[in-house]
Amino acid sequence: MPAPSPLDVTLQFLKDMEQMDYDAAMRWVADQCEYVNPPPLPVVYGPAGVRGLLEPFFAPTLRNDFQLLRQAVQGSTVFMERLDRHQLADKWVELPVTGVFEVQDGKITYWRDYFDAPTILSQWPAG
């Protein structure tokens, strides 16, 4: 059975993350995956690093809505423009994001999100 396409892997990963199903999402992340965000967020590696960064950060989130605006695929690289929406206890927070994913053998080996960090951090609960 062939590995799913890079686009299929990326879409399923984002769907699992939207549901905050970390166990399902991490099965799409390679052990050597490098996940890069704008400072002040750190660069992390592998499923444990990705989960260790995102799960506590999204703890105050009641619901996610990832709106996929544009996508392009070239070989093993997937580009995705998104509007990430997060429902908190008292409001929705929206963040325009562009993500770049490299996928090899059905796993994400590189993930970089481009966004304005102060846009999200200034609206996020302290924690």
N, C-alpha and C. Protein backbone atom coordinates (compact mmCIF):
# COMPACT_ATOMS: atom_id res chain seq x y z
N MET A 1 0.85 -1.17 0.00
CA MET A 1 0.00 0.00 0.00
C MET A 1 0.90 1.24 0.00
N PRO A 2 0.73 2.13 -0.98
CA PRO A 2 1.58 3.31 -1.05
C PRO A 2 1.27 4.31 0.06
N ALA A 3 2.28 5.09 0.42
CA ALA A 3 2.09 6.14 1.43
C ALA A 3 1.14 7.20 0.87
N PRO A 4 0.36 7.84 1.73
CA PRO A 4 -0.52 8.92 1.27
C PRO A 4 0.31 10.07 0.69
N SER A 5 -0.31 10.86 -0.17
CA SER A 5 0.39 11.99 -0.79
C SER A 5 0.78 13.03 0.26
N PRO A 6 1.77 13.86 -0.03
CA PRO A 6 2.12 14.94 0.90
C PRO A 6 0.92 15.83 1.25
N LEU A 7 0.07 16.13 0.29
CA LEU A 7 -1.11 16.94 0.58
C LEU A 7 -2.06 16.20 1.51
N ASP A 8 -2.30 14.91 1.24
CA ASP A 8 -3.19 14.13 2.11
C ASP A 8 -2.67 14.08 3.55
N VAL A 9 -1.36 13.88 3.70
CA VAL A 9 -0.76 13.84 5.04
C VAL A 9 -0.98 15.16 5.76
N THR A 10 -0.70 16.25 5.06
CA THR A 10 -0.82 17.58 5.66
C THR A 10 -2.27 17.88 6.04
N LEU A 11 -3.20 17.58 5.15
CA LEU A 11 -4.61 17.83 5.44
C LEU A 11 -5.09 17.01 6.63
N GLN A 12 -4.69 15.74 6.69
CA GLN A 12 -5.12 14.90 7.82
C GLN A 12 -4.50 15.37 9.12
N PHE A 13 -3.22 15.76 9.07
CA PHE A 13 -2.56 16.30 10.25
C PHE A 13 -3.30 17.52 10.78
N LEU A 14 -3.63 18.46 9.89
CA LEU A 14 -4.33 19.67 10.32
C LEU A 14 -5.73 19.34 10.84
N LYS A 15 -6.39 18.38 10.23
CA LYS A 15 -7.72 17.97 10.71
C LYS A 15 -7.61 17.42 12.13
N ASP A 16 -6.61 16.58 12.37
CA ASP A 16 -6.42 16.02 13.71
C ASP A 16 -6.06 17.12 14.71
N MET A 17 -5.23 18.08 14.29
CA MET A 17 -4.87 19.19 15.18
C MET A 17 -6.08 20.08 15.44
N GLU A 18 -6.90 20.27 14.45
CA GLU A 18 -8.11 21.08 14.62
C GLU A 18 -8.99 20.49 15.72
N GLN A 19 -9.04 19.17 15.77
CA GLN A 19 -9.83 18.45 16.78
C GLN A 19 -9.08 18.31 18.10
N MET A 20 -7.84 18.77 18.14
CA MET A 20 -6.96 18.63 19.30
C MET A 20 -6.80 17.16 19.69
N ASP A 21 -6.74 16.31 18.66
CA ASP A 21 -6.48 14.89 18.85
C ASP A 21 -4.98 14.69 18.66
N TYR A 22 -4.23 14.94 19.70
CA TYR A 22 -2.77 14.94 19.61
C TYR A 22 -2.22 13.56 19.29
N ASP A 23 -2.82 12.51 19.82
CA ASP A 23 -2.34 11.17 19.51
C ASP A 23 -2.45 10.90 18.02
N ALA A 24 -3.58 11.22 17.42
CA ALA A 24 -3.76 11.01 15.98
C ALA A 24 -2.83 11.90 15.17
N ALA A 25 -2.71 13.16 15.57
CA ALA A 25 -1.88 14.10 14.81
C ALA A 25 -0.40 13.70 14.83
N MET A 26 0.09 13.25 15.96
CA MET A 26 1.52 12.96 16.07
C MET A 26 1.95 11.75 15.24
N ARG A 27 1.01 10.92 14.87
CA ARG A 27 1.41 9.78 14.02
C ARG A 27 1.83 10.24 12.62
N TRP A 28 1.52 11.49 12.26
CA TRP A 28 1.92 12.07 10.96
C TRP A 28 3.25 12.81 11.04
N VAL A 29 3.84 12.89 12.23
CA VAL A 29 5.06 13.66 12.45
C VAL A 29 6.24 12.70 12.58
N ALA A 30 7.25 12.90 11.73
CA ALA A 30 8.44 12.05 11.76
C ALA A 30 9.27 12.32 13.00
N ASP A 31 10.01 11.31 13.43
CA ASP A 31 10.87 11.44 14.61
C ASP A 31 11.87 12.59 14.45
N GLN A 32 12.34 12.83 13.23
CA GLN A 32 13.34 13.87 13.00
C GLN A 32 12.72 15.19 12.56
N CYS A 33 11.40 15.33 12.63
CA CYS A 33 10.72 16.54 12.19
C CYS A 33 11.24 17.77 12.93
N GLU A 34 11.45 18.84 12.17
CA GLU A 34 11.82 20.14 12.74
C GLU A 34 10.61 21.05 12.57
N TYR A 35 10.12 21.63 13.68
CA TYR A 35 8.96 22.52 13.67
C TYR A 35 9.43 23.91 14.07
N VAL A 36 9.27 24.88 13.17
CA VAL A 36 9.81 26.23 13.35
C VAL A 36 8.65 27.23 13.36
N ASN A 37 8.65 28.08 14.38
CA ASN A 37 7.70 29.19 14.48
C ASN A 37 8.49 30.48 14.62
N PRO A 38 7.82 31.62 14.44
CA PRO A 38 8.51 32.88 14.69
C PRO A 38 8.87 33.02 16.17
N PRO A 39 9.97 33.73 16.46
CA PRO A 39 10.29 34.03 17.86
C PRO A 39 9.14 34.82 18.48
N PRO A 40 8.88 34.62 19.74
CA PRO A 40 9.74 34.00 20.75
C PRO A 40 9.51 32.51 20.91
N LEU A 41 8.71 31.89 20.06
CA LEU A 41 8.46 30.46 20.18
C LEU A 41 9.71 29.68 19.77
N PRO A 42 10.01 28.60 20.46
CA PRO A 42 11.24 27.85 20.17
C PRO A 42 11.05 26.92 18.97
N VAL A 43 12.15 26.51 18.39
CA VAL A 43 12.17 25.43 17.41
C VAL A 43 12.13 24.13 18.20
N VAL A 44 11.28 23.19 17.76
CA VAL A 44 11.18 21.91 18.46
C VAL A 44 11.34 20.77 17.45
N TYR A 45 11.57 19.57 17.96
CA TYR A 45 11.87 18.43 17.10
C TYR A 45 11.04 17.22 17.48
N GLY A 46 10.59 16.49 16.46
CA GLY A 46 9.90 15.23 16.65
C GLY A 46 8.52 15.37 17.24
N PRO A 47 7.79 14.27 17.29
CA PRO A 47 6.42 14.31 17.83
C PRO A 47 6.36 14.83 19.27
N ALA A 48 7.31 14.45 20.10
CA ALA A 48 7.28 14.90 21.50
C ALA A 48 7.49 16.41 21.58
N GLY A 49 8.37 16.95 20.75
CA GLY A 49 8.60 18.39 20.75
C GLY A 49 7.40 19.16 20.25
N VAL A 50 6.80 18.68 19.15
CA VAL A 50 5.61 19.35 18.59
C VAL A 50 4.48 19.32 19.60
N ARG A 51 4.22 18.16 20.14
CA ARG A 51 3.13 18.03 21.12
C ARG A 51 3.43 18.85 22.38
N GLY A 52 4.68 18.81 22.82
CA GLY A 52 5.06 19.54 24.03
C GLY A 52 4.91 21.05 23.89
N LEU A 53 5.01 21.57 22.68
CA LEU A 53 4.80 22.99 22.45
C LEU A 53 3.31 23.31 22.29
N LEU A 54 2.61 22.52 21.47
CA LEU A 54 1.24 22.87 21.10
C LEU A 54 0.19 22.50 22.14
N GLU A 55 0.31 21.35 22.78
CA GLU A 55 -0.73 20.93 23.71
C GLU A 55 -0.90 21.91 24.88
N PRO A 56 0.16 22.34 25.55
CA PRO A 56 -0.04 23.33 26.62
C PRO A 56 -0.51 24.69 26.08
N PHE A 57 0.01 25.08 24.91
CA PHE A 57 -0.38 26.38 24.36
C PHE A 57 -1.88 26.41 24.07
N PHE A 58 -2.41 25.31 23.52
CA PHE A 58 -3.83 25.26 23.17
C PHE A 58 -4.73 24.81 24.31
N ALA A 59 -4.19 24.65 25.51
CA ALA A 59 -5.00 24.22 26.65
C ALA A 59 -6.24 25.10 26.87
N PRO A 60 -6.16 26.44 26.71
CA PRO A 60 -7.36 27.25 26.93
C PRO A 60 -8.35 27.23 25.76
N THR A 61 -8.01 26.52 24.69
CA THR A 61 -8.85 26.50 23.50
C THR A 61 -10.03 25.56 23.68
N LEU A 62 -11.23 26.05 23.45
CA LEU A 62 -12.43 25.22 23.49
C LEU A 62 -12.68 24.55 22.14
N ARG A 63 -12.32 25.26 21.06
CA ARG A 63 -12.55 24.73 19.72
C ARG A 63 -11.62 25.44 18.75
N ASN A 64 -11.15 24.71 17.75
CA ASN A 64 -10.35 25.26 16.66
C ASN A 64 -11.15 25.21 15.38
N ASP A 65 -10.88 26.18 14.52
CA ASP A 65 -11.44 26.20 13.17
C ASP A 65 -10.32 26.66 12.25
N PHE A 66 -9.73 25.71 11.52
CA PHE A 66 -8.64 26.04 10.60
C PHE A 66 -9.23 26.19 9.21
N GLN A 67 -9.29 27.41 8.72
CA GLN A 67 -9.83 27.67 7.39
C GLN A 67 -8.68 27.66 6.40
N LEU A 68 -8.73 26.74 5.45
CA LEU A 68 -7.69 26.62 4.43
C LEU A 68 -8.06 27.55 3.28
N LEU A 69 -7.21 28.54 3.03
CA LEU A 69 -7.49 29.56 2.04
C LEU A 69 -6.86 29.24 0.68
N ARG A 70 -5.62 28.81 0.70
CA ARG A 70 -4.90 28.47 -0.52
C ARG A 70 -3.91 27.36 -0.20
N GLN A 71 -3.65 26.55 -1.22
CA GLN A 71 -2.65 25.50 -1.05
C GLN A 71 -1.94 25.28 -2.37
N ALA A 72 -0.70 24.88 -2.28
CA ALA A 72 0.09 24.54 -3.45
C ALA A 72 1.01 23.39 -3.05
N VAL A 73 1.22 22.51 -4.00
CA VAL A 73 2.08 21.36 -3.75
C VAL A 73 3.11 21.29 -4.87
N GLN A 74 4.36 21.12 -4.48
CA GLN A 74 5.42 20.86 -5.44
C GLN A 74 6.25 19.71 -4.90
N GLY A 75 6.12 18.56 -5.52
CA GLY A 75 6.83 17.39 -5.04
C GLY A 75 6.41 17.04 -3.63
N SER A 76 7.37 17.03 -2.72
CA SER A 76 7.10 16.66 -1.33
C SER A 76 6.80 17.87 -0.45
N THR A 77 6.71 19.07 -1.06
CA THR A 77 6.49 20.30 -0.30
C THR A 77 5.05 20.78 -0.46
N VAL A 78 4.43 21.09 0.68
CA VAL A 78 3.06 21.60 0.69
C VAL A 78 3.08 22.99 1.32
N PHE A 79 2.50 23.95 0.60
CA PHE A 79 2.33 25.31 1.12
C PHE A 79 0.85 25.49 1.42
N MET A 80 0.54 26.03 2.58
CA MET A 80 -0.85 26.20 2.96
C MET A 80 -1.06 27.54 3.64
N GLU A 81 -1.92 28.37 3.04
CA GLU A 81 -2.34 29.61 3.69
C GLU A 81 -3.60 29.30 4.46
N ARG A 82 -3.62 29.70 5.75
CA ARG A 82 -4.75 29.36 6.62
C ARG A 82 -5.18 30.58 7.41
N LEU A 83 -6.39 30.52 7.88
CA LEU A 83 -6.84 31.40 8.95
C LEU A 83 -7.15 30.47 10.12
N ASP A 84 -6.29 30.49 11.12
CA ASP A 84 -6.47 29.65 12.30
C ASP A 84 -7.34 30.42 13.28
N ARG A 85 -8.48 29.85 13.63
CA ARG A 85 -9.41 30.48 14.56
C ARG A 85 -9.49 29.60 15.81
N HIS A 86 -9.40 30.24 16.97
CA HIS A 86 -9.40 29.52 18.24
C HIS A 86 -10.46 30.12 19.14
N GLN A 87 -11.38 29.28 19.57
CA GLN A 87 -12.42 29.74 20.50
C GLN A 87 -11.90 29.59 21.92
N LEU A 88 -11.81 30.72 22.61
CA LEU A 88 -11.45 30.73 24.02
C LEU A 88 -12.73 30.90 24.83
N ALA A 89 -12.63 30.95 26.13
CA ALA A 89 -13.82 31.05 26.99
C ALA A 89 -14.63 32.31 26.70
N ASP A 90 -13.95 33.40 26.33
CA ASP A 90 -14.65 34.67 26.20
C ASP A 90 -14.62 35.28 24.80
N LYS A 91 -13.93 34.64 23.85
CA LYS A 91 -13.81 35.24 22.52
C LYS A 91 -13.19 34.26 21.54
N TRP A 92 -13.26 34.64 20.26
CA TRP A 92 -12.53 33.95 19.21
C TRP A 92 -11.27 34.75 18.92
N VAL A 93 -10.16 34.06 18.72
CA VAL A 93 -8.90 34.68 18.31
C VAL A 93 -8.58 34.14 16.92
N GLU A 94 -8.26 35.06 16.00
CA GLU A 94 -7.94 34.67 14.63
C GLU A 94 -6.49 35.00 14.32
N LEU A 95 -5.84 34.11 13.58
CA LEU A 95 -4.45 34.31 13.22
C LEU A 95 -4.23 33.88 11.78
N PRO A 96 -3.88 34.82 10.89
CA PRO A 96 -3.47 34.43 9.54
C PRO A 96 -2.11 33.72 9.61
N VAL A 97 -2.01 32.57 8.94
CA VAL A 97 -0.80 31.74 8.98
C VAL A 97 -0.51 31.20 7.59
N THR A 98 0.75 31.13 7.25
CA THR A 98 1.17 30.35 6.09
C THR A 98 2.12 29.28 6.59
N GLY A 99 1.83 28.04 6.24
CA GLY A 99 2.65 26.92 6.66
C GLY A 99 3.34 26.26 5.49
N VAL A 100 4.55 25.81 5.72
CA VAL A 100 5.31 25.04 4.74
C VAL A 100 5.62 23.69 5.37
N PHE A 101 5.25 22.64 4.68
CA PHE A 101 5.44 21.28 5.17
C PHE A 101 6.26 20.49 4.15
N GLU A 102 7.22 19.73 4.65
CA GLU A 102 7.93 18.74 3.84
C GLU A 102 7.48 17.37 4.32
N VAL A 103 7.11 16.51 3.39
CA VAL A 103 6.59 15.19 3.74
C VAL A 103 7.40 14.12 3.01
N GLN A 104 7.88 13.15 3.75
CA GLN A 104 8.62 12.02 3.20
C GLN A 104 8.05 10.73 3.76
N ASP A 105 7.74 9.78 2.90
CA ASP A 105 7.26 8.46 3.33
C ASP A 105 6.06 8.56 4.26
N GLY A 106 5.15 9.49 3.98
CA GLY A 106 3.91 9.60 4.75
C GLY A 106 4.04 10.31 6.08
N LYS A 107 5.17 10.98 6.32
CA LYS A 107 5.39 11.69 7.60
C LYS A 107 5.90 13.10 7.33
N ILE A 108 5.52 14.02 8.19
CA ILE A 108 6.00 15.40 8.10
C ILE A 108 7.40 15.45 8.69
N THR A 109 8.36 15.87 7.86
CA THR A 109 9.75 15.94 8.30
C THR A 109 10.18 17.37 8.60
N TYR A 110 9.42 18.34 8.11
CA TYR A 110 9.72 19.76 8.35
C TYR A 110 8.41 20.52 8.32
N TRP A 111 8.24 21.42 9.29
CA TRP A 111 7.03 22.25 9.35
C TRP A 111 7.45 23.62 9.83
N ARG A 112 7.14 24.61 9.03
CA ARG A 112 7.43 26.00 9.41
C ARG A 112 6.18 26.82 9.21
N ASP A 113 5.75 27.50 10.27
CA ASP A 113 4.60 28.40 10.19
C ASP A 113 5.10 29.83 10.23
N TYR A 114 4.54 30.64 9.33
CA TYR A 114 4.83 32.06 9.27
C TYR A 114 3.60 32.82 9.74
N PHE A 115 3.76 33.62 10.79
CA PHE A 115 2.68 34.45 11.30
C PHE A 115 3.28 35.54 12.16
N ASP A 116 2.47 36.52 12.50
CA ASP A 116 2.91 37.61 13.37
C ASP A 116 2.67 37.17 14.81
N ALA A 117 3.73 36.77 15.50
CA ALA A 117 3.59 36.23 16.86
C ALA A 117 2.87 37.19 17.81
N PRO A 118 3.15 38.51 17.80
CA PRO A 118 2.42 39.40 18.72
C PRO A 118 0.91 39.39 18.50
N THR A 119 0.46 39.11 17.27
CA THR A 119 -0.99 39.06 17.01
C THR A 119 -1.66 38.01 17.87
N ILE A 120 -1.07 36.85 17.99
CA ILE A 120 -1.68 35.78 18.79
C ILE A 120 -1.32 35.94 20.26
N LEU A 121 -0.08 36.24 20.56
CA LEU A 121 0.35 36.28 21.96
C LEU A 121 -0.32 37.41 22.73
N SER A 122 -0.63 38.51 22.06
CA SER A 122 -1.28 39.63 22.76
C SER A 122 -2.75 39.33 23.10
N GLN A 123 -3.33 38.34 22.43
CA GLN A 123 -4.74 38.00 22.67
C GLN A 123 -4.90 36.72 23.49
N TRP A 124 -3.78 36.04 23.75
CA TRP A 124 -3.85 34.72 24.40
C TRP A 124 -3.81 34.87 25.90
N PRO A 125 -4.55 34.01 26.62
CA PRO A 125 -4.50 34.07 28.09
C PRO A 125 -3.08 33.78 28.59
N ALA A 126 -2.69 34.48 29.64
CA ALA A 126 -1.39 34.21 30.27
C ALA A 126 -1.44 32.83 30.90
N GLY A 127 -0.37 32.12 30.79
CA GLY A 127 -0.45 30.79 31.37
C GLY A 127 0.84 30.19 31.47
